[in-house]
């Protein structure tokens, strides 16, 4: 049997003995690939990290020590997305080689592979037993696939430009797609019809995620914001969505914690922001990557968040550590304190090591030439 099969069995049988990770035993960063790491998933009860890369590989890592468990190769161009079905033990990957591949995670064997007529930019698995997968392309088209046969179920041209992300709701009833056309759309999977068209972002919508109770939907954008919609009640129709503004560049990823209490976002400004979903306010801000952060994913609870970036590094963050730089223990680096405050003038959240007086962000302080920025 494969190494990954052993790890999965170990996870299932010894789960109780392994879920309480000791912080000093956890590698908080490791070089996952020589090129950009495009996506990451923390799965199997926080025991396994799955990453995809522009180096054309999918890598499977052990959370506890950063050891590589397995490597899957089969794509001929940059791999840009992956999705993991932990129940059926399957993994879906999408690539610029215009293909999606469904893998058996235990054996590393291909279950099937499908070609598209244009670049695959996103893919996702439904994990509710409905046996569906979705893939999106740079032509604005999304495709629904039957996982058992690999047969194409539906092809829908839903956007005027390239798709950037597609995500099933956790009950499998709905699908959100977002695009460079600045729109996010929610679809009824059974009826293959559009339910919602969400506008408001002023630049490309780069990512989306449903909360695990399916009540909220978040969208991340190149316009430096994350929007949170209450799609269950439709309250955003009257009051508008919550617009979260604490990034200074493209926001490339967003994800909810499984208890729906937190949401994480990441992007070009190298920040990993943790948001309190009860108040839609910033809870924590982490920094440590040296290049554009591509993706962010919560683990089983609210404690662990994993990120990946163009720097080839995967980082594991402890959200319970507060707002701190959380650098790799292997390099012997110290943790540097980083706190968060609200600007007295513009009311924007900003990070600091030593709180300025008055409590102004750097942008508002720049407007006061008599004040020192140090």
Foldseek 3Di string as FASTA:
>chain_A
DALVLVQLVCCVPVVVVPLPADPVQFFFKDQQDPFFWQEWEQDSSNQWIWIFFQVQKIWIAGGRHRDTRDIAHDDDGGWHEKEAQPVQQWMWTFFQSQKIFIARNNVSDTPDMDGHPGGWQEKYDQRQPPQWIWIFHQQQKIWIARNVPRDTDDIDNDDRGGWQYKDAQNNRQKMWIFFQRQWIWIAGPVVRGTDDIDHDGPGGFHYKEAANVRQWIWIFFQSQWIWIARPVVRVCVPVNTDIAHDGPGGWHEKYAFNVRQWMWIFWQRQWIWIAGPVVRHTWAIEHDDPGTKNYKYDGNGRQWIWTTGRNSMIGIGGVVVTHWHDDTVVVVDDIQDKHWDAAPPPRHIDIDRDQDPPRHDLVVVVVVVVDDPD
